[in-house]
Amino acid sequence: MELFKLRPTMKITADFSHRTCVTESFLENCSGILQEAIRRTKHIHARVGHTQSPQIPDPRLISWQYPVEFFFKIWKQIVRYQKSQKAAFFTITTEFGPPPYMWTKTKDDMPIENQWEINRFMKDLLRKRFDASRNPLSNNIKVIGTKDGCTEVEAGSGKYGFTVK
């Protein structure tokens, strides 16, 4: 919070997966700084972490749905805030990285899942969650098209972009 006070106009990339790992929490005791971070976010790294690692192994697995839902709750707050500020454009990058972020097998150190498939799954899930035509709770955010691997969505008068890394 001190850095935010020293730099009142500073914007951030929201990569809260590291914060959950460093604090070994789902940020239960960080509401003040989390709300300030939401207001200052200009880009989201859509990686899902947990209390012991900055990246879960696979967001498709039911056993990891608590952290997935936790992060979607924060991302939704960010998108709503950006919409309320009439942001002209906003981006989200699916950010499931390669090893050492991605979990590996102990025998051969190979990834346990396919990084590209996980990032595409997250892109599709973000699109579904923030597409008002499929989800009336998404605050009128609507997918309007794709170009060069980026999906543009419209929210109010602004456009919001999703990219697959």
C-alpha atoms as a PDB file:
ATOM      1  CA  MET A   1       0.000   0.000   0.000  1.00  0.00           C
ATOM      2  CA  GLU A   2       2.942   2.304   0.713  1.00  0.00           C
ATOM      3  CA  LEU A   3       4.128   2.100  -2.900  1.00  0.00           C
ATOM      4  CA  PHE A   4       0.641   3.043  -4.113  1.00  0.00           C
ATOM      5  CA  LYS A   5       0.691   6.073  -1.792  1.00  0.00           C
ATOM      6  CA  LEU A   6       4.102   7.124  -3.113  1.00  0.00           C
ATOM      7  CA  ARG A   7       2.988   6.729  -6.732  1.00  0.00           C
ATOM      8  CA  PRO A   8      -0.649   7.872  -6.954  1.00  0.00           C
ATOM      9  CA  THR A   9      -0.888   7.472 -10.747  1.00  0.00           C
ATOM     10  CA  MET A  10       0.896   4.115 -11.005  1.00  0.00           C
ATOM     11  CA  LYS A  11      -0.979   1.388 -12.923  1.00  0.00           C
ATOM     12  CA  ILE A  12      -0.326  -2.342 -12.587  1.00  0.00           C
ATOM     13  CA  THR A  13      -0.643  -5.666 -14.311  1.00  0.00           C
ATOM     14  CA  ALA A  14      -2.780  -7.841 -12.052  1.00  0.00           C
ATOM     15  CA  ASP A  15      -0.896 -11.073 -11.482  1.00  0.00           C
ATOM     16  CA  PHE A  16      -2.350 -12.008  -8.116  1.00  0.00           C
ATOM     17  CA  SER A  17      -1.185 -15.609  -8.435  1.00  0.00           C
ATOM     18  CA  HIS A  18       2.148 -14.576  -6.943  1.00  0.00           C
ATOM     19  CA  ARG A  19       0.455 -12.707  -4.119  1.00  0.00           C
ATOM     20  CA  THR A  20      -1.543 -15.779  -3.024  1.00  0.00           C
ATOM     21  CA  CYS A  21       1.663 -17.809  -2.973  1.00  0.00           C
ATOM     22  CA  VAL A  22       3.790 -15.246  -1.123  1.00  0.00           C
ATOM     23  CA  THR A  23       1.111 -14.572   1.519  1.00  0.00           C
ATOM     24  CA  GLU A  24       0.135 -18.264   1.683  1.00  0.00           C
ATOM     25  CA  SER A  25      -3.478 -17.116   1.610  1.00  0.00           C
ATOM     26  CA  PHE A  26      -6.385 -16.309  -0.633  1.00  0.00           C
ATOM     27  CA  LEU A  27      -5.821 -12.690   0.390  1.00  0.00           C
ATOM     28  CA  GLU A  28      -8.320 -12.814   3.252  1.00  0.00           C
ATOM     29  CA  ASN A  29      -6.384 -10.152   5.165  1.00  0.00           C
ATOM     30  CA  CYS A  30      -5.509  -7.991   2.173  1.00  0.00           C
ATOM     31  CA  SER A  31      -8.833  -6.366   1.266  1.00  0.00           C
ATOM     32  CA  GLY A  32      -7.560  -2.770   1.357  1.00  0.00           C
ATOM     33  CA  ILE A  33      -4.571  -3.310  -0.890  1.00  0.00           C
ATOM     34  CA  LEU A  34      -6.567  -5.673  -3.122  1.00  0.00           C
ATOM     35  CA  GLN A  35      -9.237  -3.017  -3.725  1.00  0.00           C
ATOM     36  CA  GLU A  36      -6.554  -0.442  -4.513  1.00  0.00           C
ATOM     37  CA  ALA A  37      -4.872  -2.901  -6.889  1.00  0.00           C
ATOM     38  CA  ILE A  38      -8.213  -3.539  -8.630  1.00  0.00           C
ATOM     39  CA  ARG A  39      -8.593   0.211  -9.212  1.00  0.00           C
ATOM     40  CA  ARG A  40      -5.067   0.476 -10.632  1.00  0.00           C
ATOM     41  CA  THR A  41      -5.135  -2.571 -12.910  1.00  0.00           C
ATOM     42  CA  LYS A  42      -4.599  -1.942 -16.618  1.00  0.00           C
ATOM     43  CA  HIS A  43      -3.968  -5.555 -17.658  1.00  0.00           C
ATOM     44  CA  ILE A  44      -4.678  -8.979 -16.187  1.00  0.00           C
ATOM     45  CA  HIS A  45      -2.360 -11.969 -16.292  1.00  0.00           C
ATOM     46  CA  ALA A  46      -4.994 -14.682 -16.045  1.00  0.00           C
ATOM     47  CA  ARG A  47      -2.939 -17.249 -14.221  1.00  0.00           C
ATOM     48  CA  VAL A  48      -4.511 -19.076 -11.286  1.00  0.00           C
ATOM     49  CA  GLY A  49      -2.315 -19.679  -8.276  1.00  0.00           C
ATOM     50  CA  HIS A  50      -2.914 -21.000  -4.800  1.00  0.00           C
ATOM     51  CA  THR A  51      -1.403 -20.711  -1.355  1.00  0.00           C
ATOM     52  CA  GLN A  52       1.647 -22.838  -2.158  1.00  0.00           C
ATOM     53  CA  SER A  53       2.413 -22.073  -5.800  1.00  0.00           C
ATOM     54  CA  PRO A  54       1.870 -19.248  -8.309  1.00  0.00           C
ATOM     55  CA  GLN A  55       0.252 -21.686 -10.756  1.00  0.00           C
ATOM     56  CA  ILE A  56      -2.198 -24.543 -10.341  1.00  0.00           C
ATOM     57  CA  PRO A  57      -1.464 -27.561 -12.526  1.00  0.00           C
ATOM     58  CA  ASP A  58      -4.739 -27.615 -14.473  1.00  0.00           C
ATOM     59  CA  PRO A  59      -7.759 -25.276 -14.137  1.00  0.00           C
ATOM     60  CA  ARG A  60      -9.965 -27.901 -15.814  1.00  0.00           C
ATOM     61  CA  LEU A  61      -9.749 -30.233 -12.826  1.00  0.00           C
ATOM     62  CA  ILE A  62     -12.543 -30.124 -10.241  1.00  0.00           C
ATOM     63  CA  SER A  63     -10.001 -30.307  -7.417  1.00  0.00           C
ATOM     64  CA  TRP A  64      -8.713 -26.828  -8.411  1.00  0.00           C
ATOM     65  CA  GLN A  65     -12.054 -25.046  -8.769  1.00  0.00           C
ATOM     66  CA  TYR A  66     -11.788 -23.084  -5.520  1.00  0.00           C
ATOM     67  CA  PRO A  67      -8.748 -21.108  -6.702  1.00  0.00           C
ATOM     68  CA  VAL A  68     -10.242 -20.757 -10.204  1.00  0.00           C
ATOM     69  CA  GLU A  69     -13.417 -19.222  -8.757  1.00  0.00           C
ATOM     70  CA  PHE A  70     -11.421 -17.023  -6.385  1.00  0.00           C
ATOM     71  CA  PHE A  71      -9.483 -15.514  -9.280  1.00  0.00           C
ATOM     72  CA  PHE A  72     -12.561 -15.099 -11.470  1.00  0.00           C
ATOM     73  CA  LYS A  73     -14.196 -13.144  -8.668  1.00  0.00           C
ATOM     74  CA  ILE A  74     -11.274 -10.688  -8.635  1.00  0.00           C
ATOM     75  CA  TRP A  75     -11.085 -10.483 -12.438  1.00  0.00           C
ATOM     76  CA  LYS A  76     -14.798  -9.736 -12.618  1.00  0.00           C
ATOM     77  CA  GLN A  77     -14.331  -6.866 -10.156  1.00  0.00           C
ATOM     78  CA  ILE A  78     -11.506  -5.497 -12.305  1.00  0.00           C
ATOM     79  CA  VAL A  79     -13.539  -5.679 -15.520  1.00  0.00           C
ATOM     80  CA  ARG A  80     -16.537  -4.046 -13.819  1.00  0.00           C
ATOM     81  CA  TYR A  81     -14.329  -1.260 -12.481  1.00  0.00           C
ATOM     82  CA  GLN A  82     -12.809  -0.671 -15.924  1.00  0.00           C
ATOM     83  CA  LYS A  83     -16.298  -0.535 -17.398  1.00  0.00           C
ATOM     84  CA  SER A  84     -17.401   1.978 -14.758  1.00  0.00           C
ATOM     85  CA  GLN A  85     -14.423   4.147 -15.722  1.00  0.00           C
ATOM     86  CA  LYS A  86     -15.398   3.871 -19.397  1.00  0.00           C
ATOM     87  CA  ALA A  87     -11.993   2.453 -20.293  1.00  0.00           C
ATOM     88  CA  ALA A  88     -11.426   2.535 -24.046  1.00  0.00           C
ATOM     89  CA  PHE A  89      -9.606  -0.824 -24.047  1.00  0.00           C
ATOM     90  CA  PHE A  90      -8.626  -3.515 -21.566  1.00  0.00           C
ATOM     91  CA  THR A  91      -6.581  -6.687 -22.035  1.00  0.00           C
ATOM     92  CA  ILE A  92      -6.297 -10.066 -20.390  1.00  0.00           C
ATOM     93  CA  THR A  93      -3.551 -12.559 -21.203  1.00  0.00           C
ATOM     94  CA  THR A  94      -3.965 -16.214 -20.352  1.00  0.00           C
ATOM     95  CA  GLU A  95      -0.779 -16.672 -18.424  1.00  0.00           C
ATOM     96  CA  PHE A  96      -0.251 -20.354 -17.666  1.00  0.00           C
ATOM     97  CA  GLY A  97       3.501 -20.560 -18.138  1.00  0.00           C
ATOM     98  CA  PRO A  98       5.964 -23.332 -18.938  1.00  0.00           C
ATOM     99  CA  PRO A  99       8.141 -25.039 -16.324  1.00  0.00           C
ATOM    100  CA  PRO A 100       9.085 -24.073 -13.695  1.00  0.00           C
ATOM    101  CA  TYR A 101       5.604 -22.558 -13.359  1.00  0.00           C
ATOM    102  CA  MET A 102       3.984 -25.587 -14.960  1.00  0.00           C
ATOM    103  CA  TRP A 103       4.119 -28.718 -12.859  1.00  0.00           C
ATOM    104  CA  THR A 104       6.327 -31.514 -14.195  1.00  0.00           C
ATOM    105  CA  LYS A 105       6.602 -35.265 -13.802  1.00  0.00           C
ATOM    106  CA  THR A 106       9.222 -36.408 -11.327  1.00  0.00           C
ATOM    107  CA  LYS A 107      10.650 -39.125 -13.602  1.00  0.00           C
ATOM    108  CA  ASP A 108      11.486 -37.046 -16.674  1.00  0.00           C
ATOM    109  CA  ASP A 109      10.727 -33.428 -15.705  1.00  0.00           C
ATOM    110  CA  MET A 110       8.232 -33.155 -18.579  1.00  0.00           C
ATOM    111  CA  PRO A 111       5.100 -31.010 -18.118  1.00  0.00           C
ATOM    112  CA  ILE A 112       2.125 -32.914 -16.724  1.00  0.00           C
ATOM    113  CA  GLU A 113      -0.250 -31.034 -19.037  1.00  0.00           C
ATOM    114  CA  ASN A 114      -0.177 -29.244 -22.373  1.00  0.00           C
ATOM    115  CA  GLN A 115       0.482 -25.526 -21.821  1.00  0.00           C
ATOM    116  CA  TRP A 116      -1.227 -24.460 -25.061  1.00  0.00           C
ATOM    117  CA  GLU A 117      -4.377 -26.460 -24.275  1.00  0.00           C
ATOM    118  CA  ILE A 118      -4.601 -24.971 -20.777  1.00  0.00           C
ATOM    119  CA  ASN A 119      -4.210 -21.419 -22.097  1.00  0.00           C
ATOM    120  CA  ARG A 120      -6.837 -22.031 -24.783  1.00  0.00           C
ATOM    121  CA  PHE A 121      -9.170 -23.471 -22.140  1.00  0.00           C
ATOM    122  CA  MET A 122      -8.674 -20.342 -20.021  1.00  0.00           C
ATOM    123  CA  LYS A 123      -9.287 -18.078 -23.027  1.00  0.00           C
ATOM    124  CA  ASP A 124     -12.544 -19.901 -23.739  1.00  0.00           C
ATOM    125  CA  LEU A 125     -13.553 -19.803 -20.082  1.00  0.00           C
ATOM    126  CA  LEU A 126     -12.837 -16.056 -19.847  1.00  0.00           C
ATOM    127  CA  ARG A 127     -14.812 -15.509 -23.009  1.00  0.00           C
ATOM    128  CA  LYS A 128     -17.738 -17.546 -21.672  1.00  0.00           C
ATOM    129  CA  ARG A 129     -17.755 -15.829 -18.285  1.00  0.00           C
ATOM    130  CA  PHE A 130     -17.574 -12.321 -19.742  1.00  0.00           C
ATOM    131  CA  ASP A 131     -19.917 -12.861 -22.700  1.00  0.00           C
ATOM    132  CA  ALA A 132     -23.350 -11.415 -21.841  1.00  0.00           C
ATOM    133  CA  SER A 133     -25.104 -13.366 -24.594  1.00  0.00           C
ATOM    134  CA  ARG A 134     -24.214 -16.566 -22.704  1.00  0.00           C
ATOM    135  CA  ASN A 135     -24.092 -15.191 -19.150  1.00  0.00           C
ATOM    136  CA  PRO A 136     -26.552 -12.466 -18.116  1.00  0.00           C
ATOM    137  CA  LEU A 137     -24.575 -11.817 -14.911  1.00  0.00           C
ATOM    138  CA  SER A 138     -21.525 -10.636 -16.847  1.00  0.00           C
ATOM    139  CA  ASN A 139     -22.624  -7.001 -16.857  1.00  0.00           C
ATOM    140  CA  ASN A 140     -23.355  -6.633 -20.598  1.00  0.00           C
ATOM    141  CA  ILE A 141     -19.929  -7.624 -21.847  1.00  0.00           C
ATOM    142  CA  LYS A 142     -20.260  -9.179 -25.293  1.00  0.00           C
ATOM    143  CA  VAL A 143     -17.781 -10.949 -27.571  1.00  0.00           C
ATOM    144  CA  ILE A 144     -17.665  -9.096 -30.883  1.00  0.00           C
ATOM    145  CA  GLY A 145     -15.002 -10.922 -32.882  1.00  0.00           C
ATOM    146  CA  THR A 146     -11.507 -12.308 -33.152  1.00  0.00           C
ATOM    147  CA  LYS A 147      -8.448 -11.205 -35.092  1.00  0.00           C
ATOM    148  CA  ASP A 148      -4.852 -12.449 -35.011  1.00  0.00           C
ATOM    149  CA  GLY A 149      -5.416 -14.635 -31.940  1.00  0.00           C
ATOM    150  CA  CYS A 150      -7.076 -11.806 -29.980  1.00  0.00           C
ATOM    151  CA  THR A 151     -10.746 -11.833 -29.087  1.00  0.00           C
ATOM    152  CA  GLU A 152     -12.294  -8.411 -28.754  1.00  0.00           C
ATOM    153  CA  VAL A 153     -15.241  -7.943 -26.445  1.00  0.00           C
ATOM    154  CA  GLU A 154     -17.376  -4.882 -26.017  1.00  0.00           C
ATOM    155  CA  ALA A 155     -18.507  -3.439 -22.703  1.00  0.00           C
ATOM    156  CA  GLY A 156     -20.453  -0.216 -22.870  1.00  0.00           C
ATOM    157  CA  SER A 157     -18.543   2.134 -25.152  1.00  0.00           C
ATOM    158  CA  GLY A 158     -15.167   0.470 -24.630  1.00  0.00           C
ATOM    159  CA  LYS A 159     -13.552  -2.614 -26.129  1.00  0.00           C
ATOM    160  CA  TYR A 160     -11.855  -5.234 -24.021  1.00  0.00           C
ATOM    161  CA  GLY A 161      -9.327  -7.648 -25.544  1.00  0.00           C
ATOM    162  CA  PHE A 162      -8.352 -11.157 -24.603  1.00  0.00           C
ATOM    163  CA  THR A 163      -5.096 -12.611 -25.869  1.00  0.00           C
ATOM    164  CA  VAL A 164      -3.784 -16.138 -25.853  1.00  0.00           C
ATOM    165  CA  LYS A 165      -0.094 -16.253 -25.085  1.00  0.00           C
END
